[in-house]
């Protein structure tokens, strides 16, 4: 989610002529699913179909975002890498952590203003984790088999009770394999995948997604899957202290990769009406909480009905379209893309942001 690199929610249209519309299309679809998933949070308890749709979204949307983020992190050894990472991730993280702390204090009428910089609030974990992945990347690449090591760390981290939401460590370690896998992927890998999926073969993806939906629909009452898809807690914290619990995380990873292939095969490769909007997905990611949280307060938890579900879905799509507009970008750019030349040495900021 960083400026100028097609990472998951993204902020700029720099080098517009060289951008691949496929990835901007993918980011728009994924950020729309993020908003829909968060809008469904209050509704998923009352309807099995909505609950399953929620689980289906969470089975892949963040892993795929993270994979795309890793794919666009090829410049880790170039001058200005650290400065750019700080400017586009860490600074917005601090800004919105403070803003959201004040916002939730007044919205939920909490007794104290609880500023939790070291424990990311709600969706802010992604910015902190993405910052940490970018910092860890050069070090992991020093190992002989970094992807295997990263995978083992991700599975083993779930057994460590102290590794939780502090600094988003559980998610940082759990999702890291997707980031590193994306880093190793090249354009030709996506071309091979997309070329194989002819229009007729895309029906396989539609069928695969439908099959996963049915699997989750019938499996969830017997074996709750939500926590496995969130990667946010040690296994024991959600009732799985078993020695073999890591196998379920491996299964969640496999499901995420399979669903990612299905979804990517259905993404348009050409420019569409939402291609440009996908390049501003960072704005949607950072700002949609100011609408979702009041919605959760206003809509009763026992609210239900097919009309409500349809309206919420349409409203989430409309919100995504609005927040990814040029108007919102212009108004909120000082917060989402703050100019912080004064933090770095002379010319370092401009060098970093142009890399």
Foldseek 3Di string as FASTA:
>chain_A
DFEPFLAQQAADCPPVVPDFLLSLLLNLVLLLLVLLLLLCPLVLVADLLSVLSSVLSLLASVLLSLLSNLLRLQCLPPALLLVRLCQQQVQLLQLLLQVVLVVCCVLVVDPDSDRCSQQRDDLSLVSLLSSVLSVCVVVLVVDPDSLVVLCVQLLVVLLDQVQARGSLRQCSSNSSSSSNNSNPDDPVVLVVLLVVCDVVNLVVLVVVSVVSSVVCSVCCVVPNCVVLSVSGGRQVVVPDNDPCVSVSNVVSVVSNVSNSSSVSNVRDRDDDPCSQLSNNSLQSSSPSVSVSVVSSVVDDSNDDDPVVSVVSSVVSSVSSVVSSDPVVCVVCVCSNRNDPCVVDDPPSNVVNSVD
